[in-house]
Amino acid sequence: MISGTIVKILSITFLIAVGVVLILGIGTLFKGGETSKKYSNKLMQLRVLLQFIAIIILVCFAYFFKN
């Protein structure tokens, strides 16, 4: 089923994106200084948004493909 494949690819993509943004955010916090002030909050906000989207996609995956 093509839609199932698309949902699986989207799920994996967003989960990887959340992980990458989380690692970048933590790295920015540890780096400190001006970079931390400029980017750490924005990266954490982006992580929360990506987590929300990933959860919605995973819930849709579970709902539509509960065979």
N, C-alpha and C. Protein backbone atom coordinates (compact mmCIF):
# COMPACT_ATOMS: atom_id res chain seq x y z
N MET A 1 0.85 -1.18 0.00
CA MET A 1 0.00 0.00 0.00
C MET A 1 0.89 1.24 0.00
N ILE A 2 0.69 2.12 -0.97
CA ILE A 2 1.58 3.29 -1.13
C ILE A 2 1.41 4.30 0.01
N SER A 3 0.21 4.49 0.51
CA SER A 3 0.02 5.47 1.58
C SER A 3 0.69 5.01 2.87
N GLY A 4 0.72 3.70 3.10
CA GLY A 4 1.41 3.18 4.27
C GLY A 4 2.90 3.43 4.20
N THR A 5 3.46 3.31 3.02
CA THR A 5 4.88 3.57 2.83
C THR A 5 5.19 5.04 3.07
N ILE A 6 4.32 5.91 2.59
CA ILE A 6 4.53 7.35 2.77
C ILE A 6 4.49 7.70 4.25
N VAL A 7 3.54 7.14 4.98
CA VAL A 7 3.43 7.42 6.42
C VAL A 7 4.65 6.90 7.16
N LYS A 8 5.15 5.73 6.77
CA LYS A 8 6.34 5.17 7.42
C LYS A 8 7.55 6.06 7.16
N ILE A 9 7.71 6.52 5.92
CA ILE A 9 8.83 7.38 5.58
C ILE A 9 8.73 8.71 6.33
N LEU A 10 7.53 9.30 6.39
CA LEU A 10 7.34 10.54 7.14
C LEU A 10 7.65 10.35 8.62
N SER A 11 7.20 9.24 9.18
CA SER A 11 7.44 8.98 10.60
C SER A 11 8.94 8.90 10.89
N ILE A 12 9.64 8.13 10.11
CA ILE A 12 11.08 7.98 10.32
C ILE A 12 11.80 9.29 10.10
N THR A 13 11.40 10.04 9.08
CA THR A 13 12.03 11.32 8.78
C THR A 13 11.86 12.30 9.94
N PHE A 14 10.65 12.40 10.47
CA PHE A 14 10.43 13.34 11.56
C PHE A 14 11.10 12.89 12.85
N LEU A 15 11.17 11.60 13.10
CA LEU A 15 11.86 11.12 14.29
C LEU A 15 13.36 11.41 14.21
N ILE A 16 13.93 11.22 13.03
CA ILE A 16 15.35 11.56 12.85
C ILE A 16 15.56 13.06 12.99
N ALA A 17 14.64 13.86 12.43
CA ALA A 17 14.76 15.32 12.53
C ALA A 17 14.70 15.77 13.98
N VAL A 18 13.83 15.17 14.78
CA VAL A 18 13.74 15.50 16.21
C VAL A 18 15.07 15.19 16.89
N GLY A 19 15.64 14.04 16.60
CA GLY A 19 16.92 13.66 17.19
C GLY A 19 18.04 14.61 16.82
N VAL A 20 18.09 15.00 15.55
CA VAL A 20 19.14 15.92 15.09
C VAL A 20 19.00 17.28 15.76
N VAL A 21 17.77 17.80 15.82
CA VAL A 21 17.57 19.11 16.44
C VAL A 21 17.85 19.04 17.93
N LEU A 22 17.51 17.94 18.57
CA LEU A 22 17.81 17.77 20.00
C LEU A 22 19.32 17.79 20.24
N ILE A 23 20.06 17.06 19.43
CA ILE A 23 21.52 17.03 19.59
C ILE A 23 22.12 18.41 19.32
N LEU A 24 21.64 19.09 18.28
CA LEU A 24 22.14 20.45 18.00
C LEU A 24 21.82 21.41 19.15
N GLY A 25 20.62 21.31 19.71
CA GLY A 25 20.24 22.18 20.82
C GLY A 25 21.07 21.95 22.06
N ILE A 26 21.31 20.68 22.39
CA ILE A 26 22.13 20.37 23.56
C ILE A 26 23.57 20.82 23.33
N GLY A 27 24.06 20.60 22.12
CA GLY A 27 25.42 21.05 21.80
C GLY A 27 25.55 22.56 21.90
N THR A 28 24.54 23.28 21.47
CA THR A 28 24.55 24.74 21.56
C THR A 28 24.53 25.20 23.01
N LEU A 29 23.75 24.49 23.85
CA LEU A 29 23.72 24.84 25.27
C LEU A 29 25.08 24.64 25.93
N PHE A 30 25.75 23.55 25.59
CA PHE A 30 27.07 23.28 26.18
C PHE A 30 28.14 24.23 25.65
N LYS A 31 27.97 24.68 24.41
CA LYS A 31 28.96 25.59 23.84
C LYS A 31 28.96 26.93 24.58
N GLY A 32 27.75 27.40 24.92
CA GLY A 32 27.63 28.64 25.68
C GLY A 32 27.95 29.87 24.86
N GLY A 33 28.03 30.99 25.53
CA GLY A 33 28.39 32.24 24.89
C GLY A 33 27.28 32.83 24.04
N GLU A 34 27.66 33.58 23.05
CA GLU A 34 26.71 34.28 22.18
C GLU A 34 25.90 33.30 21.34
N THR A 35 26.52 32.23 20.91
CA THR A 35 25.81 31.23 20.11
C THR A 35 24.67 30.62 20.90
N SER A 36 24.91 30.33 22.15
CA SER A 36 23.88 29.75 23.00
C SER A 36 22.72 30.72 23.18
N LYS A 37 23.03 31.98 23.41
CA LYS A 37 21.98 32.97 23.59
C LYS A 37 21.14 33.13 22.33
N LYS A 38 21.79 33.02 21.19
CA LYS A 38 21.11 33.28 19.92
C LYS A 38 20.27 32.09 19.44
N TYR A 39 20.78 30.86 19.61
CA TYR A 39 20.14 29.72 18.95
C TYR A 39 19.52 28.67 19.85
N SER A 40 19.90 28.56 21.10
CA SER A 40 19.44 27.43 21.92
C SER A 40 17.93 27.43 22.11
N ASN A 41 17.33 28.57 22.39
CA ASN A 41 15.89 28.61 22.59
C ASN A 41 15.15 28.32 21.30
N LYS A 42 15.63 28.84 20.18
CA LYS A 42 14.98 28.58 18.89
C LYS A 42 15.06 27.11 18.52
N LEU A 43 16.20 26.48 18.79
CA LEU A 43 16.34 25.06 18.49
C LEU A 43 15.41 24.21 19.36
N MET A 44 15.27 24.56 20.61
CA MET A 44 14.38 23.80 21.47
C MET A 44 12.91 24.01 21.09
N GLN A 45 12.55 25.19 20.64
CA GLN A 45 11.20 25.42 20.14
C GLN A 45 10.94 24.61 18.88
N LEU A 46 11.93 24.55 18.00
CA LEU A 46 11.82 23.74 16.79
C LEU A 46 11.69 22.26 17.14
N ARG A 47 12.42 21.81 18.15
CA ARG A 47 12.32 20.41 18.59
C ARG A 47 10.92 20.08 19.07
N VAL A 48 10.32 20.98 19.85
CA VAL A 48 8.97 20.75 20.35
C VAL A 48 7.98 20.68 19.19
N LEU A 49 8.12 21.56 18.21
CA LEU A 49 7.24 21.55 17.04
C LEU A 49 7.41 20.24 16.26
N LEU A 50 8.64 19.82 16.04
CA LEU A 50 8.88 18.58 15.31
C LEU A 50 8.36 17.37 16.08
N GLN A 51 8.48 17.39 17.40
CA GLN A 51 7.93 16.30 18.21
C GLN A 51 6.42 16.24 18.07
N PHE A 52 5.77 17.38 18.07
CA PHE A 52 4.31 17.43 17.91
C PHE A 52 3.91 16.83 16.57
N ILE A 53 4.59 17.23 15.51
CA ILE A 53 4.27 16.71 14.18
C ILE A 53 4.53 15.21 14.12
N ALA A 54 5.64 14.76 14.69
CA ALA A 54 5.97 13.34 14.69
C ALA A 54 4.92 12.53 15.45
N ILE A 55 4.45 13.04 16.57
CA ILE A 55 3.42 12.34 17.34
C ILE A 55 2.13 12.25 16.57
N ILE A 56 1.74 13.33 15.90
CA ILE A 56 0.51 13.32 15.09
C ILE A 56 0.64 12.28 13.98
N ILE A 57 1.78 12.23 13.31
CA ILE A 57 1.98 11.25 12.23
C ILE A 57 1.94 9.83 12.78
N LEU A 58 2.56 9.59 13.93
CA LEU A 58 2.55 8.25 14.51
C LEU A 58 1.15 7.83 14.97
N VAL A 59 0.38 8.77 15.49
CA VAL A 59 -1.00 8.46 15.89
C VAL A 59 -1.83 8.14 14.65
N CYS A 60 -1.65 8.91 13.58
CA CYS A 60 -2.37 8.62 12.33
C CYS A 60 -1.96 7.25 11.79
N PHE A 61 -0.67 6.94 11.87
CA PHE A 61 -0.18 5.63 11.43
C PHE A 61 -0.86 4.53 12.24
N ALA A 62 -0.92 4.69 13.54
CA ALA A 62 -1.53 3.66 14.39
C ALA A 62 -3.03 3.55 14.13
N TYR A 63 -3.69 4.67 13.87
CA TYR A 63 -5.14 4.66 13.66
C TYR A 63 -5.51 4.03 12.32
N PHE A 64 -4.83 4.41 11.27
CA PHE A 64 -5.21 3.95 9.94
C PHE A 64 -4.70 2.55 9.60
N PHE A 65 -3.67 2.09 10.30
CA PHE A 65 -3.08 0.79 9.97
C PHE A 65 -3.09 -0.13 11.19
N LYS A 66 -4.23 -0.25 11.84
CA LYS A 66 -4.33 -1.08 13.04
C LYS A 66 -4.77 -2.51 12.72
N ASN A 67 -4.30 -3.06 11.64
CA ASN A 67 -4.67 -4.42 11.23
C ASN A 67 -4.10 -5.45 12.17
